[in-house]
Amino acid sequence: MTSLSLSAQWGQYEATWENEPGIMSFNQDIKKLAPIDELPFLLEVAQSGIECDDNGLLIGDDLRLSEERALDIDSILSTAMYVEDVGTLLYQCEVKNYYYIQDSVVAYQILEALYGLSLDYKILRDKDWKVYLELIYPDDFLLQTMINKRAFNQLHDEGFSFKEKVLLEHFASFSSEEDRHEFRRFLIQNNYKILDNTLDSKAALPYVISFSRKDMLHLERLSNITLRLHQKALSIEGSYDGWGVEL
């Protein structure tokens, strides 16, 4: 079986682990397949360095060398078995790389032969992919924060002001008119203005609604807003499709 990692889409978010900041990069595409029965083992490789920033995040040559070794490990193991690279954590002057692998015994033999005591790693049985689903992949709030931060960065690059409330246009889509109407009632109760209802007959969720409200472009506050919209749409088998602002 071919690995998805070479073409997978990756995301990244900032969070705290044991009250210390870190950055997690994660394989987004593999979520649709997890857990994969052929990959019941988790390989965690930890690499430490001394060149870190004020938040304890590895930088410079230490970071570059850790990335090179992580790619080498993935490439070497992939010649012997099915491997999926699923995440990387930068935290406390350390990098942790996470891979799901097919054969723990063969992986152990390869890593011991190539690296021996120079590599800090462990192999765990995790057939349900709990580490990926509960630790690596972001929860709904972190996912909204990640998406919104990407939009904030783009607006910042375009010189947008974040000091005042701005009119945000949001979008959602549903499988039926009844579901869209239920979502519409929720929006009116929360002071949104309904802009348009359209039908996209070629879409999986063809009943589209656009709506607007003035809000501050504050990352945490807006992420709570979009999380609530996402959860409400999801509860009636719809999709919250994001927001935009007129520049």
Protein backbone atom coordinates (compact mmCIF):
# COMPACT_ATOMS: atom_id res chain seq x y z
CA MET A 1 0.00 0.00 0.00
CA THR A 2 1.28 3.47 -0.90
CA SER A 3 1.83 6.10 1.77
CA LEU A 4 -0.24 9.28 1.63
CA SER A 5 2.41 11.37 3.37
CA LEU A 6 4.20 12.66 0.28
CA SER A 7 1.03 14.31 -1.03
CA ALA A 8 -0.90 14.84 2.21
CA GLN A 9 -2.14 18.23 3.30
CA TRP A 10 -0.74 19.29 6.66
CA GLY A 11 -2.07 21.76 9.21
CA GLN A 12 -0.44 23.46 12.18
CA TYR A 13 -1.69 24.89 15.46
CA GLU A 14 -0.28 26.41 18.65
CA ALA A 15 -1.34 25.10 22.05
CA THR A 16 -0.02 24.41 25.55
CA TRP A 17 1.00 21.06 26.95
CA GLU A 18 1.51 20.98 30.74
CA ASN A 19 1.26 24.79 30.71
CA GLU A 20 4.14 25.15 28.25
CA PRO A 21 3.69 26.43 24.66
CA GLY A 22 4.26 24.24 21.65
CA ILE A 23 3.44 23.85 17.97
CA MET A 24 1.86 20.72 16.52
CA SER A 25 1.96 19.98 12.79
CA PHE A 26 -0.47 17.25 11.76
CA ASN A 27 -1.43 15.21 8.72
CA GLN A 28 -4.95 16.41 7.91
CA ASP A 29 -5.75 13.99 5.09
CA ILE A 30 -5.19 10.84 7.13
CA LYS A 31 -8.10 11.77 9.45
CA LYS A 32 -10.52 10.47 6.80
CA LEU A 33 -8.93 7.00 7.01
CA ALA A 34 -8.03 6.72 10.70
CA PRO A 35 -7.64 4.23 12.19
CA ILE A 36 -5.92 2.17 9.49
CA ASP A 37 -6.02 -1.53 10.36
CA GLU A 38 -2.68 -2.26 8.69
CA LEU A 39 -0.93 0.27 10.97
CA PRO A 40 -1.52 -0.81 14.59
CA PHE A 41 1.77 0.51 16.03
CA LEU A 42 2.83 4.06 16.89
CA LEU A 43 6.48 5.05 16.60
CA GLU A 44 7.40 8.17 18.57
CA VAL A 45 10.88 9.62 17.92
CA ALA A 46 12.18 12.39 20.23
CA GLN A 47 15.09 14.64 19.31
CA SER A 48 16.49 17.30 21.64
CA GLY A 49 18.53 20.40 20.86
CA ILE A 50 20.13 23.38 22.54
CA GLU A 51 19.22 26.09 19.99
CA CYS A 52 15.72 27.20 21.04
CA ASP A 53 13.70 30.40 21.06
CA ASP A 54 12.11 32.03 24.14
CA ASN A 55 9.13 29.67 23.92
CA GLY A 56 11.31 26.58 23.96
CA LEU A 57 10.84 25.87 20.26
CA LEU A 58 13.79 24.34 18.42
CA ILE A 59 15.31 26.65 15.77
CA GLY A 60 18.33 26.95 13.47
CA ASP A 61 20.59 24.03 12.67
CA ASP A 62 19.11 21.88 15.45
CA LEU A 63 15.66 22.16 13.85
CA ARG A 64 17.03 21.54 10.35
CA LEU A 65 18.94 18.44 11.44
CA SER A 66 15.89 17.07 13.27
CA GLU A 67 13.79 17.53 10.12
CA GLU A 68 16.39 15.75 8.01
CA ARG A 69 16.57 12.82 10.40
CA ALA A 70 12.76 12.57 10.55
CA LEU A 71 12.62 12.35 6.75
CA ASP A 72 15.39 9.74 6.75
CA ILE A 73 13.54 7.58 9.27
CA ASP A 74 10.32 7.77 7.25
CA SER A 75 12.16 6.92 4.02
CA ILE A 76 14.16 4.03 5.49
CA LEU A 77 11.19 2.39 7.22
CA SER A 78 9.02 2.85 4.11
CA THR A 79 11.34 0.58 2.14
CA ALA A 80 10.45 -2.28 4.50
CA MET A 81 6.82 -1.66 5.42
CA TYR A 82 3.78 0.60 5.19
CA VAL A 83 4.36 3.82 7.18
CA GLU A 84 2.31 6.99 7.72
CA ASP A 85 3.92 10.17 9.07
CA VAL A 86 1.09 11.75 11.11
CA GLY A 87 2.49 14.54 13.27
CA THR A 88 5.36 16.63 14.62
CA LEU A 89 5.42 18.40 17.98
CA LEU A 90 7.84 21.27 18.75
CA TYR A 91 7.94 21.62 22.52
CA GLN A 92 10.47 22.42 25.26
CA CYS A 93 13.61 22.33 23.06
CA GLU A 94 12.52 18.99 21.65
CA VAL A 95 10.96 17.66 18.47
CA LYS A 96 8.70 14.62 18.58
CA ASN A 97 7.80 12.89 15.31
CA TYR A 98 4.91 10.44 15.18
CA TYR A 99 4.54 7.61 12.67
CA TYR A 100 2.06 4.76 12.43
CA ILE A 101 3.83 1.62 11.27
CA GLN A 102 2.95 -1.88 10.12
CA ASP A 103 5.55 -4.02 11.93
CA SER A 104 7.04 -3.14 15.31
CA VAL A 105 9.67 -5.91 15.29
CA VAL A 106 11.11 -4.97 11.88
CA ALA A 107 11.03 -1.27 12.80
CA TYR A 108 12.92 -1.96 16.02
CA GLN A 109 15.56 -4.01 14.19
CA ILE A 110 16.08 -1.28 11.57
CA LEU A 111 16.30 1.58 14.08
CA GLU A 112 18.66 -0.30 16.39
CA ALA A 113 20.94 -1.25 13.50
CA LEU A 114 21.09 2.30 12.12
CA TYR A 115 20.96 4.47 15.24
CA GLY A 116 21.34 2.35 18.37
CA LEU A 117 21.57 4.49 21.51
CA SER A 118 21.85 7.73 19.53
CA LEU A 119 18.10 7.77 18.89
CA ASP A 120 15.43 8.24 21.59
CA TYR A 121 12.32 6.42 20.44
CA LYS A 122 9.51 4.15 21.59
CA ILE A 123 7.01 1.90 19.83
CA LEU A 124 3.51 1.48 21.27
CA ARG A 125 0.54 -0.59 20.20
CA ASP A 126 -2.22 1.88 19.27
CA LYS A 127 -4.59 0.09 16.90
CA ASP A 128 -7.37 2.63 17.55
CA TRP A 129 -5.03 5.56 16.77
CA LYS A 130 -5.88 7.25 20.06
CA VAL A 131 -2.66 9.29 20.05
CA TYR A 132 -3.46 10.73 16.62
CA LEU A 133 -7.17 11.28 17.23
CA GLU A 134 -6.92 12.57 20.82
CA LEU A 135 -3.48 14.21 21.03
CA ILE A 136 -2.21 15.11 17.58
CA TYR A 137 -5.38 16.06 15.68
CA PRO A 138 -6.82 19.34 17.02
CA ASP A 139 -10.17 19.55 18.79
CA ASP A 140 -12.91 21.63 17.19
CA PHE A 141 -11.87 24.87 18.90
CA LEU A 142 -8.21 24.51 17.93
CA LEU A 143 -9.26 23.66 14.38
CA GLN A 144 -11.35 26.83 14.18
CA THR A 145 -8.48 28.84 15.65
CA MET A 146 -6.08 27.41 13.08
CA ILE A 147 -8.41 28.26 10.20
CA ASN A 148 -9.16 31.75 11.51
CA LYS A 149 -5.50 32.54 12.19
CA ARG A 150 -4.69 31.72 8.59
CA ALA A 151 -7.35 34.24 7.49
CA PHE A 152 -6.10 36.80 10.04
CA ASN A 153 -2.56 36.54 8.67
CA GLN A 154 -3.83 37.18 5.17
CA LEU A 155 -5.84 40.21 6.29
CA HIS A 156 -2.84 41.52 8.21
CA ASP A 157 -0.67 41.23 5.09
CA GLU A 158 -3.27 43.27 3.21
CA GLY A 159 -3.14 46.06 5.80
CA PHE A 160 -6.54 45.43 7.37
CA SER A 161 -7.36 47.17 10.67
CA PHE A 162 -8.36 44.96 13.61
CA LYS A 163 -9.38 47.83 15.94
CA GLU A 164 -13.12 48.06 15.20
CA LYS A 165 -16.02 45.71 14.61
CA VAL A 166 -16.37 44.72 10.98
CA LEU A 167 -19.17 43.17 8.96
CA LEU A 168 -18.41 39.50 8.43
CA GLU A 169 -20.23 37.43 5.83
CA HIS A 170 -20.61 33.75 6.71
CA PHE A 171 -21.67 30.72 4.68
CA ALA A 172 -23.24 27.35 5.46
CA SER A 173 -24.82 24.55 3.45
CA PHE A 174 -27.35 21.77 4.10
CA SER A 175 -28.89 18.70 2.53
CA SER A 176 -32.50 19.91 2.72
CA GLU A 177 -34.60 23.04 2.87
CA GLU A 178 -35.91 21.96 6.28
CA ASP A 179 -32.39 21.79 7.75
CA ARG A 180 -31.48 25.15 6.28
CA HIS A 181 -34.64 26.66 7.75
CA GLU A 182 -33.77 25.31 11.20
CA PHE A 183 -30.31 26.87 10.93
CA ARG A 184 -31.89 30.12 9.75
CA ARG A 185 -33.98 30.27 12.96
CA PHE A 186 -30.81 29.79 15.01
CA LEU A 187 -29.14 32.65 13.13
CA ILE A 188 -32.02 35.07 13.68
CA GLN A 189 -32.01 34.23 17.41
CA ASN A 190 -28.32 35.20 17.48
CA ASN A 191 -28.74 38.52 15.66
CA TYR A 192 -27.42 37.52 12.24
CA LYS A 193 -28.83 39.09 9.11
CA ILE A 194 -29.83 36.61 6.40
CA LEU A 195 -28.32 37.68 3.09
CA ASP A 196 -29.22 34.98 0.59
CA ASN A 197 -30.56 31.46 0.11
CA THR A 198 -29.32 29.63 -2.97
CA LEU A 199 -29.51 26.16 -4.45
CA ASP A 200 -26.38 24.49 -5.85
CA SER A 201 -27.80 21.34 -7.41
CA LYS A 202 -24.33 19.90 -8.12
CA ALA A 203 -23.11 20.14 -4.50
CA ALA A 204 -23.31 17.39 -1.89
CA LEU A 205 -25.04 19.91 0.40
CA PRO A 206 -27.00 21.97 -2.13
CA TYR A 207 -29.01 24.28 0.17
CA VAL A 208 -26.70 27.23 0.80
CA ILE A 209 -27.26 30.18 3.11
CA SER A 210 -25.19 33.34 3.55
CA PHE A 211 -25.55 35.61 6.56
CA SER A 212 -23.73 38.50 8.25
CA ARG A 213 -23.06 40.21 11.57
CA LYS A 214 -20.62 42.79 12.89
CA ASP A 215 -17.96 41.32 15.16
CA MET A 216 -14.46 42.13 16.38
CA LEU A 217 -11.61 40.40 14.59
CA HIS A 218 -10.22 39.01 17.83
CA LEU A 219 -8.87 35.50 17.27
CA GLU A 220 -10.13 33.72 20.39
CA ARG A 221 -13.50 35.49 20.37
CA LEU A 222 -14.09 34.86 16.67
CA SER A 223 -13.02 31.23 17.02
CA ASN A 224 -15.67 30.74 19.69
CA ILE A 225 -18.23 32.28 17.32
CA THR A 226 -17.27 30.10 14.35
CA LEU A 227 -17.09 27.03 16.61
CA ARG A 228 -20.69 27.60 17.65
CA LEU A 229 -21.77 28.01 14.02
CA HIS A 230 -19.84 24.85 13.07
CA GLN A 231 -21.37 22.80 15.89
CA LYS A 232 -24.92 23.97 15.14
CA ALA A 233 -24.57 23.21 11.41
CA LEU A 234 -23.06 19.82 12.21
CA SER A 235 -25.91 18.97 14.59
CA ILE A 236 -28.36 19.14 11.67
CA GLU A 237 -26.00 17.36 9.27
CA GLY A 238 -24.90 20.53 7.54
CA SER A 239 -21.58 22.32 7.08
CA TYR A 240 -20.37 25.71 8.23
CA ASP A 241 -18.26 26.91 5.31
CA GLY A 242 -16.37 29.89 6.74
CA TRP A 243 -16.43 33.66 6.60
CA GLY A 244 -15.14 36.59 4.63
CA VAL A 245 -14.80 40.35 4.97
CA GLU A 246 -15.13 43.02 2.30
CA LEU A 247 -11.80 44.83 1.92
